[in-house]
């Protein structure tokens, strides 16, 4: 499972997460070796000017390359794929940076705004990478005859366009996750809880791979009727409820 599209997504989302976390930590003063990104500037507008504290995307990207890419030292297809997907994750974070502004003026008139660059919500980064996962490109590797040059990726199907910096790439088909495979460490979808009303990946039709599902009532225990007592304690009762649960056969 080293070269399938699920691996591609895992590498990309990990790299993006490190980039995002470090860039935000710099702005929040949690790392002594970095701070806000005061270099991220450009021409100011008529009613706004650069100021404030931008997320340090340069430090986040650099740290991610040093930390996440450190293990990828080979020149074969797997290493080249991993490096590409790592960079794709960082690219999605960088591309999502947006200008955020704060108004200044008498009685909230917003005569002028101070603006800075802010990271996108990580959920948005993940959604973008999920879209690229769905349309990931299968690739081969070529060094174009130069052994000292970094290996390059080319489409598996010659009629397809080369992958962009934001695309995820893979070189082998995904295994069948419907059934258990101990050699790959996954247990299939038998027994998984599914949503009988959903048409998405959590729906019983897809998750159960056409094998069907069973429905049963299960007793669940939850905390309920919680009350706050000054100061400072929360007391709850224990409630039991029967819930209809659907699970794959």
C-alpha atoms as a PDB file:
ATOM      1  CA  UNK A   1       0.000   0.000   0.000  1.00  0.00           C
ATOM      2  CA  UNK A   2       3.024   2.244  -0.426  1.00  0.00           C
ATOM      3  CA  UNK A   3       1.906   3.865  -3.642  1.00  0.00           C
ATOM      4  CA  UNK A   4      -1.890   4.060  -3.664  1.00  0.00           C
ATOM      5  CA  UNK A   5      -4.023   7.195  -3.543  1.00  0.00           C
ATOM      6  CA  UNK A   6      -4.792   6.735   0.179  1.00  0.00           C
ATOM      7  CA  UNK A   7      -1.054   6.937   0.878  1.00  0.00           C
ATOM      8  CA  UNK A   8      -0.881  10.069  -1.266  1.00  0.00           C
ATOM      9  CA  UNK A   9      -3.585  11.739   0.813  1.00  0.00           C
ATOM     10  CA  UNK A  10      -1.920  10.696   4.084  1.00  0.00           C
ATOM     11  CA  UNK A  11       1.399  12.285   3.105  1.00  0.00           C
ATOM     12  CA  UNK A  12      -0.266  15.465   1.828  1.00  0.00           C
ATOM     13  CA  UNK A  13      -2.507  16.025   4.852  1.00  0.00           C
ATOM     14  CA  UNK A  14       0.400  15.360   7.249  1.00  0.00           C
ATOM     15  CA  UNK A  15       2.640  17.870   5.484  1.00  0.00           C
ATOM     16  CA  UNK A  16      -0.187  20.414   5.377  1.00  0.00           C
ATOM     17  CA  UNK A  17      -0.895  19.888   9.077  1.00  0.00           C
ATOM     18  CA  UNK A  18       2.719  20.498  10.091  1.00  0.00           C
ATOM     19  CA  UNK A  19       2.885  23.617   7.906  1.00  0.00           C
ATOM     20  CA  UNK A  20      -0.387  24.992   9.274  1.00  0.00           C
ATOM     21  CA  UNK A  21       0.441  24.266  12.924  1.00  0.00           C
ATOM     22  CA  UNK A  22       3.930  25.780  12.805  1.00  0.00           C
ATOM     23  CA  UNK A  23       2.810  28.912  10.925  1.00  0.00           C
ATOM     24  CA  UNK A  24       0.070  29.511  13.492  1.00  0.00           C
ATOM     25  CA  UNK A  25       2.356  28.742  16.456  1.00  0.00           C
ATOM     26  CA  UNK A  26       4.810  31.403  15.255  1.00  0.00           C
ATOM     27  CA  UNK A  27       2.073  34.037  15.167  1.00  0.00           C
ATOM     28  CA  UNK A  28       0.881  33.061  18.639  1.00  0.00           C
ATOM     29  CA  UNK A  29       4.397  33.356  20.090  1.00  0.00           C
ATOM     30  CA  UNK A  30       4.668  29.677  21.007  1.00  0.00           C
ATOM     31  CA  UNK A  31       8.043  29.170  19.308  1.00  0.00           C
ATOM     32  CA  UNK A  32      11.081  31.156  20.392  1.00  0.00           C
ATOM     33  CA  UNK A  33      12.836  30.898  17.016  1.00  0.00           C
ATOM     34  CA  UNK A  34      10.092  32.600  14.993  1.00  0.00           C
ATOM     35  CA  UNK A  35       7.409  35.265  15.253  1.00  0.00           C
ATOM     36  CA  UNK A  36       4.768  36.948  13.103  1.00  0.00           C
ATOM     37  CA  UNK A  37       5.540  37.264   9.416  1.00  0.00           C
ATOM     38  CA  UNK A  38       6.149  40.994   9.017  1.00  0.00           C
ATOM     39  CA  UNK A  39       7.707  40.487   5.563  1.00  0.00           C
ATOM     40  CA  UNK A  40       4.418  39.514   3.923  1.00  0.00           C
ATOM     41  CA  UNK A  41       3.593  42.896   2.514  1.00  0.00           C
ATOM     42  CA  UNK A  42       2.446  44.413  -0.747  1.00  0.00           C
ATOM     43  CA  UNK A  43       0.926  47.647  -2.019  1.00  0.00           C
ATOM     44  CA  UNK A  44      -1.685  48.967   0.402  1.00  0.00           C
ATOM     45  CA  UNK A  45      -5.158  49.945  -0.795  1.00  0.00           C
ATOM     46  CA  UNK A  46      -6.926  53.292  -0.659  1.00  0.00           C
ATOM     47  CA  UNK A  47      -8.729  52.485   2.581  1.00  0.00           C
ATOM     48  CA  UNK A  48      -6.440  49.896   4.135  1.00  0.00           C
ATOM     49  CA  UNK A  49      -2.790  49.367   5.026  1.00  0.00           C
ATOM     50  CA  UNK A  50      -0.620  46.442   6.003  1.00  0.00           C
ATOM     51  CA  UNK A  51      -0.143  45.841   9.717  1.00  0.00           C
ATOM     52  CA  UNK A  52      -1.029  43.376  12.404  1.00  0.00           C
ATOM     53  CA  UNK A  53       0.501  39.935  12.772  1.00  0.00           C
ATOM     54  CA  UNK A  54       0.481  37.577   9.793  1.00  0.00           C
ATOM     55  CA  UNK A  55       0.713  33.802  10.150  1.00  0.00           C
ATOM     56  CA  UNK A  56       4.311  32.840   9.380  1.00  0.00           C
ATOM     57  CA  UNK A  57       3.713  30.602   6.372  1.00  0.00           C
ATOM     58  CA  UNK A  58       7.366  30.822   5.273  1.00  0.00           C
ATOM     59  CA  UNK A  59       8.600  29.326   8.550  1.00  0.00           C
ATOM     60  CA  UNK A  60       5.831  26.716   8.532  1.00  0.00           C
ATOM     61  CA  UNK A  61       6.688  25.600   4.998  1.00  0.00           C
ATOM     62  CA  UNK A  62      10.419  25.511   5.692  1.00  0.00           C
ATOM     63  CA  UNK A  63       9.966  23.500   8.881  1.00  0.00           C
ATOM     64  CA  UNK A  64       7.657  21.060   7.098  1.00  0.00           C
ATOM     65  CA  UNK A  65      10.219  20.478   4.331  1.00  0.00           C
ATOM     66  CA  UNK A  66      12.974  19.856   6.869  1.00  0.00           C
ATOM     67  CA  UNK A  67      10.860  17.618   9.109  1.00  0.00           C
ATOM     68  CA  UNK A  68       8.410  15.768   6.854  1.00  0.00           C
ATOM     69  CA  UNK A  69      10.660  15.428   3.795  1.00  0.00           C
ATOM     70  CA  UNK A  70      13.674  14.253   5.808  1.00  0.00           C
ATOM     71  CA  UNK A  71      13.023  10.540   5.267  1.00  0.00           C
ATOM     72  CA  UNK A  72      12.537  10.850   1.505  1.00  0.00           C
ATOM     73  CA  UNK A  73      16.113  10.546   0.256  1.00  0.00           C
ATOM     74  CA  UNK A  74      15.785   8.101  -2.646  1.00  0.00           C
ATOM     75  CA  UNK A  75      15.239   8.746  -6.338  1.00  0.00           C
ATOM     76  CA  UNK A  76      12.789   5.974  -7.147  1.00  0.00           C
ATOM     77  CA  UNK A  77       9.088   6.376  -7.856  1.00  0.00           C
ATOM     78  CA  UNK A  78       7.922   5.975  -4.259  1.00  0.00           C
ATOM     79  CA  UNK A  79      10.236   8.661  -2.868  1.00  0.00           C
ATOM     80  CA  UNK A  80       9.428  11.020  -5.736  1.00  0.00           C
ATOM     81  CA  UNK A  81       5.704  10.464  -5.212  1.00  0.00           C
ATOM     82  CA  UNK A  82       5.981  11.126  -1.472  1.00  0.00           C
ATOM     83  CA  UNK A  83       7.915  14.360  -1.994  1.00  0.00           C
ATOM     84  CA  UNK A  84       5.384  15.566  -4.563  1.00  0.00           C
ATOM     85  CA  UNK A  85       2.442  14.858  -2.248  1.00  0.00           C
ATOM     86  CA  UNK A  86       4.209  16.506   0.691  1.00  0.00           C
ATOM     87  CA  UNK A  87       4.662  19.638  -1.398  1.00  0.00           C
ATOM     88  CA  UNK A  88       1.054  19.456  -2.602  1.00  0.00           C
ATOM     89  CA  UNK A  89      -0.101  19.588   1.011  1.00  0.00           C
ATOM     90  CA  UNK A  90       2.003  22.678   1.688  1.00  0.00           C
ATOM     91  CA  UNK A  91       0.819  24.296  -1.547  1.00  0.00           C
ATOM     92  CA  UNK A  92      -2.823  23.961  -0.494  1.00  0.00           C
ATOM     93  CA  UNK A  93      -2.070  25.768   2.784  1.00  0.00           C
ATOM     94  CA  UNK A  94      -0.139  28.554   1.031  1.00  0.00           C
ATOM     95  CA  UNK A  95      -2.809  28.995  -1.656  1.00  0.00           C
ATOM     96  CA  UNK A  96      -5.478  29.355   1.015  1.00  0.00           C
ATOM     97  CA  UNK A  97      -3.821  32.335   2.746  1.00  0.00           C
ATOM     98  CA  UNK A  98      -6.240  35.266   2.807  1.00  0.00           C
ATOM     99  CA  UNK A  99      -6.111  38.920   3.770  1.00  0.00           C
ATOM    100  CA  UNK A 100      -7.830  39.602   7.088  1.00  0.00           C
ATOM    101  CA  UNK A 101      -8.609  43.171   8.129  1.00  0.00           C
ATOM    102  CA  UNK A 102      -9.612  45.113  11.225  1.00  0.00           C
ATOM    103  CA  UNK A 103     -11.452  48.441  11.081  1.00  0.00           C
ATOM    104  CA  UNK A 104     -10.254  51.653  12.733  1.00  0.00           C
ATOM    105  CA  UNK A 105     -12.163  54.902  13.004  1.00  0.00           C
ATOM    106  CA  UNK A 106     -14.576  56.930  15.093  1.00  0.00           C
ATOM    107  CA  UNK A 107     -17.744  55.072  16.130  1.00  0.00           C
ATOM    108  CA  UNK A 108     -16.880  52.088  13.973  1.00  0.00           C
ATOM    109  CA  UNK A 109     -16.795  54.149  10.785  1.00  0.00           C
ATOM    110  CA  UNK A 110     -13.947  52.013   9.415  1.00  0.00           C
ATOM    111  CA  UNK A 111     -12.108  54.975   7.899  1.00  0.00           C
ATOM    112  CA  UNK A 112      -9.038  52.820   7.526  1.00  0.00           C
ATOM    113  CA  UNK A 113      -8.335  49.130   7.912  1.00  0.00           C
ATOM    114  CA  UNK A 114      -5.232  47.333   9.133  1.00  0.00           C
ATOM    115  CA  UNK A 115      -4.730  44.053   7.284  1.00  0.00           C
ATOM    116  CA  UNK A 116      -2.604  40.932   7.646  1.00  0.00           C
ATOM    117  CA  UNK A 117      -2.376  37.499   6.013  1.00  0.00           C
ATOM    118  CA  UNK A 118      -4.174  34.657   7.772  1.00  0.00           C
ATOM    119  CA  UNK A 119      -4.132  30.894   7.328  1.00  0.00           C
ATOM    120  CA  UNK A 120      -7.225  29.181   5.947  1.00  0.00           C
ATOM    121  CA  UNK A 121      -9.232  26.974   8.335  1.00  0.00           C
ATOM    122  CA  UNK A 122      -7.615  23.545   8.277  1.00  0.00           C
ATOM    123  CA  UNK A 123     -10.984  22.037   7.392  1.00  0.00           C
ATOM    124  CA  UNK A 124     -10.830  23.971   4.101  1.00  0.00           C
ATOM    125  CA  UNK A 125      -7.341  22.598   3.438  1.00  0.00           C
ATOM    126  CA  UNK A 126      -8.565  19.070   4.108  1.00  0.00           C
ATOM    127  CA  UNK A 127     -11.581  19.526   1.838  1.00  0.00           C
ATOM    128  CA  UNK A 128      -9.316  20.723  -0.970  1.00  0.00           C
ATOM    129  CA  UNK A 129      -7.012  17.734  -0.554  1.00  0.00           C
ATOM    130  CA  UNK A 130     -10.011  15.385  -0.482  1.00  0.00           C
ATOM    131  CA  UNK A 131     -11.091  16.790  -3.856  1.00  0.00           C
ATOM    132  CA  UNK A 132      -7.580  16.121  -5.193  1.00  0.00           C
ATOM    133  CA  UNK A 133      -7.713  12.612  -3.708  1.00  0.00           C
ATOM    134  CA  UNK A 134     -10.844  11.898  -5.733  1.00  0.00           C
ATOM    135  CA  UNK A 135      -9.084  13.066  -8.913  1.00  0.00           C
ATOM    136  CA  UNK A 136      -5.551  11.863  -8.111  1.00  0.00           C
ATOM    137  CA  UNK A 137      -3.188  11.244 -11.040  1.00  0.00           C
ATOM    138  CA  UNK A 138      -1.499   7.914 -11.660  1.00  0.00           C
ATOM    139  CA  UNK A 139       2.144   8.492 -12.601  1.00  0.00           C
ATOM    140  CA  UNK A 140       5.435   6.989 -13.711  1.00  0.00           C
ATOM    141  CA  UNK A 141       8.907   8.336 -13.023  1.00  0.00           C
ATOM    142  CA  UNK A 142      11.536   9.584 -15.473  1.00  0.00           C
ATOM    143  CA  UNK A 143      14.874  11.352 -14.984  1.00  0.00           C
ATOM    144  CA  UNK A 144      15.065  12.430 -18.646  1.00  0.00           C
ATOM    145  CA  UNK A 145      18.503  10.890 -18.989  1.00  0.00           C
ATOM    146  CA  UNK A 146      20.150  12.954 -16.240  1.00  0.00           C
ATOM    147  CA  UNK A 147      20.978  10.811 -13.211  1.00  0.00           C
ATOM    148  CA  UNK A 148      21.957  13.819 -11.113  1.00  0.00           C
ATOM    149  CA  UNK A 149      18.664  15.555 -11.674  1.00  0.00           C
ATOM    150  CA  UNK A 150      15.688  14.877  -9.410  1.00  0.00           C
ATOM    151  CA  UNK A 151      13.411  12.260 -10.923  1.00  0.00           C
ATOM    152  CA  UNK A 152      10.354  13.703 -12.661  1.00  0.00           C
ATOM    153  CA  UNK A 153       6.806  12.417 -12.709  1.00  0.00           C
ATOM    154  CA  UNK A 154       4.887  11.807 -15.907  1.00  0.00           C
ATOM    155  CA  UNK A 155       1.318  10.573 -16.427  1.00  0.00           C
ATOM    156  CA  UNK A 156       0.756   6.818 -16.504  1.00  0.00           C
ATOM    157  CA  UNK A 157      -1.585   7.426 -19.414  1.00  0.00           C
ATOM    158  CA  UNK A 158       0.283   9.481 -22.074  1.00  0.00           C
ATOM    159  CA  UNK A 159      -2.879  11.312 -23.115  1.00  0.00           C
ATOM    160  CA  UNK A 160      -3.335  12.787 -19.624  1.00  0.00           C
ATOM    161  CA  UNK A 161      -1.811  16.108 -18.618  1.00  0.00           C
ATOM    162  CA  UNK A 162       1.129  16.164 -16.161  1.00  0.00           C
ATOM    163  CA  UNK A 163       0.172  16.600 -12.484  1.00  0.00           C
ATOM    164  CA  UNK A 164       0.137  20.154 -11.143  1.00  0.00           C
ATOM    165  CA  UNK A 165       1.717  21.233  -7.862  1.00  0.00           C
ATOM    166  CA  UNK A 166      -1.643  20.867  -6.101  1.00  0.00           C
ATOM    167  CA  UNK A 167      -2.491  17.441  -7.552  1.00  0.00           C
ATOM    168  CA  UNK A 168      -2.026  14.231  -5.581  1.00  0.00           C
ATOM    169  CA  UNK A 169      -0.209  11.410  -7.356  1.00  0.00           C
ATOM    170  CA  UNK A 170      -0.023   7.635  -6.949  1.00  0.00           C
ATOM    171  CA  UNK A 171       1.479   4.709  -8.871  1.00  0.00           C
ATOM    172  CA  UNK A 172      -0.479   1.618  -7.845  1.00  0.00           C
ATOM    173  CA  UNK A 173      -4.148   0.824  -7.477  1.00  0.00           C
ATOM    174  CA  UNK A 174      -5.734   0.786  -4.033  1.00  0.00           C
ATOM    175  CA  UNK A 175      -6.441  -2.582  -2.396  1.00  0.00           C
ATOM    176  CA  UNK A 176      -9.999  -3.790  -1.898  1.00  0.00           C
ATOM    177  CA  UNK A 177     -10.897  -2.349   1.496  1.00  0.00           C
ATOM    178  CA  UNK A 178     -14.202  -4.243   1.572  1.00  0.00           C
ATOM    179  CA  UNK A 179     -12.607  -7.439   2.855  1.00  0.00           C
ATOM    180  CA  UNK A 180     -10.004  -8.100   5.584  1.00  0.00           C
ATOM    181  CA  UNK A 181      -6.333  -8.269   4.617  1.00  0.00           C
ATOM    182  CA  UNK A 182      -3.982  -8.909   7.536  1.00  0.00           C
ATOM    183  CA  UNK A 183      -0.900  -8.292   5.384  1.00  0.00           C
ATOM    184  CA  UNK A 184      -2.040  -4.695   4.878  1.00  0.00           C
ATOM    185  CA  UNK A 185      -3.377  -4.234   8.398  1.00  0.00           C
ATOM    186  CA  UNK A 186      -7.010  -3.503   7.627  1.00  0.00           C
ATOM    187  CA  UNK A 187     -10.024  -5.480   8.774  1.00  0.00           C
ATOM    188  CA  UNK A 188     -12.516  -4.821   6.000  1.00  0.00           C
ATOM    189  CA  UNK A 189     -15.890  -3.186   6.552  1.00  0.00           C
ATOM    190  CA  UNK A 190     -17.728  -6.081   8.206  1.00  0.00           C
ATOM    191  CA  UNK A 191     -19.291  -4.905  11.475  1.00  0.00           C
ATOM    192  CA  UNK A 192     -18.764  -1.211  10.676  1.00  0.00           C
ATOM    193  CA  UNK A 193     -21.567   1.139  11.738  1.00  0.00           C
ATOM    194  CA  UNK A 194     -23.207   2.720   8.693  1.00  0.00           C
ATOM    195  CA  UNK A 195     -25.823   5.381   7.972  1.00  0.00           C
ATOM    196  CA  UNK A 196     -28.840   3.866   6.272  1.00  0.00           C
ATOM    197  CA  UNK A 197     -30.096   7.241   4.977  1.00  0.00           C
ATOM    198  CA  UNK A 198     -26.778   8.480   3.527  1.00  0.00           C
ATOM    199  CA  UNK A 199     -25.704   8.177  -0.109  1.00  0.00           C
ATOM    200  CA  UNK A 200     -22.123   9.123   0.806  1.00  0.00           C
ATOM    201  CA  UNK A 201     -19.157   7.006   1.861  1.00  0.00           C
ATOM    202  CA  UNK A 202     -20.697   6.489   5.319  1.00  0.00           C
ATOM    203  CA  UNK A 203     -23.884   5.083   3.789  1.00  0.00           C
ATOM    204  CA  UNK A 204     -24.717   1.405   4.143  1.00  0.00           C
ATOM    205  CA  UNK A 205     -24.869   0.860   0.373  1.00  0.00           C
ATOM    206  CA  UNK A 206     -21.265   1.960  -0.173  1.00  0.00           C
ATOM    207  CA  UNK A 207     -19.630   0.995   3.109  1.00  0.00           C
ATOM    208  CA  UNK A 208     -21.052  -2.514   3.120  1.00  0.00           C
ATOM    209  CA  UNK A 209     -19.872  -3.125  -0.468  1.00  0.00           C
ATOM    210  CA  UNK A 210     -23.213  -4.574  -1.524  1.00  0.00           C
ATOM    211  CA  UNK A 211     -23.198  -7.291   1.174  1.00  0.00           C
ATOM    212  CA  UNK A 212     -26.106  -5.749   3.038  1.00  0.00           C
ATOM    213  CA  UNK A 213     -26.427  -4.732   6.676  1.00  0.00           C
ATOM    214  CA  UNK A 214     -28.224  -5.707   9.842  1.00  0.00           C
ATOM    215  CA  UNK A 215     -30.257  -3.456  12.124  1.00  0.00           C
ATOM    216  CA  UNK A 216     -30.545  -3.884  15.868  1.00  0.00           C
ATOM    217  CA  UNK A 217     -31.376  -1.883  18.956  1.00  0.00           C
ATOM    218  CA  UNK A 218     -28.494  -1.266  21.331  1.00  0.00           C
ATOM    219  CA  UNK A 219     -28.566   0.181  24.802  1.00  0.00           C
ATOM    220  CA  UNK A 220     -26.347   3.220  25.228  1.00  0.00           C
ATOM    221  CA  UNK A 221     -25.285   4.854  28.482  1.00  0.00           C
ATOM    222  CA  UNK A 222     -24.748   8.625  28.486  1.00  0.00           C
ATOM    223  CA  UNK A 223     -24.396  11.459  30.969  1.00  0.00           C
ATOM    224  CA  UNK A 224     -27.519  13.595  31.144  1.00  0.00           C
ATOM    225  CA  UNK A 225     -29.384  16.232  33.182  1.00  0.00           C
ATOM    226  CA  UNK A 226     -26.117  17.900  34.164  1.00  0.00           C
ATOM    227  CA  UNK A 227     -26.172  20.734  36.706  1.00  0.00           C
ATOM    228  CA  UNK A 228     -23.462  23.164  37.750  1.00  0.00           C
ATOM    229  CA  UNK A 229     -22.812  23.720  41.460  1.00  0.00           C
ATOM    230  CA  UNK A 230     -20.910  26.784  42.676  1.00  0.00           C
ATOM    231  CA  UNK A 231     -17.995  26.452  42.731  1.00  0.00           C
ATOM    232  CA  UNK A 232     -16.878  24.489  40.678  1.00  0.00           C
ATOM    233  CA  UNK A 233     -18.486  21.140  40.107  1.00  0.00           C
ATOM    234  CA  UNK A 234     -20.742  19.591  37.489  1.00  0.00           C
ATOM    235  CA  UNK A 235     -23.006  16.738  38.505  1.00  0.00           C
ATOM    236  CA  UNK A 236     -24.767  14.541  35.961  1.00  0.00           C
ATOM    237  CA  UNK A 237     -27.147  11.647  36.002  1.00  0.00           C
ATOM    238  CA  UNK A 238     -26.548   8.471  34.030  1.00  0.00           C
ATOM    239  CA  UNK A 239     -29.214   7.828  31.425  1.00  0.00           C
ATOM    240  CA  UNK A 240     -29.789   4.746  29.313  1.00  0.00           C
ATOM    241  CA  UNK A 241     -31.426   4.830  25.906  1.00  0.00           C
ATOM    242  CA  UNK A 242     -32.171   2.338  23.164  1.00  0.00           C
ATOM    243  CA  UNK A 243     -30.785   3.304  19.765  1.00  0.00           C
ATOM    244  CA  UNK A 244     -31.329   1.686  16.370  1.00  0.00           C
ATOM    245  CA  UNK A 245     -27.910   0.860  14.902  1.00  0.00           C
ATOM    246  CA  UNK A 246     -27.088  -0.423  11.413  1.00  0.00           C
ATOM    247  CA  UNK A 247     -23.888  -2.392  10.788  1.00  0.00           C
ATOM    248  CA  UNK A 248     -22.380  -4.053   7.721  1.00  0.00           C
ATOM    249  CA  UNK A 249     -22.592  -7.814   7.257  1.00  0.00           C
END
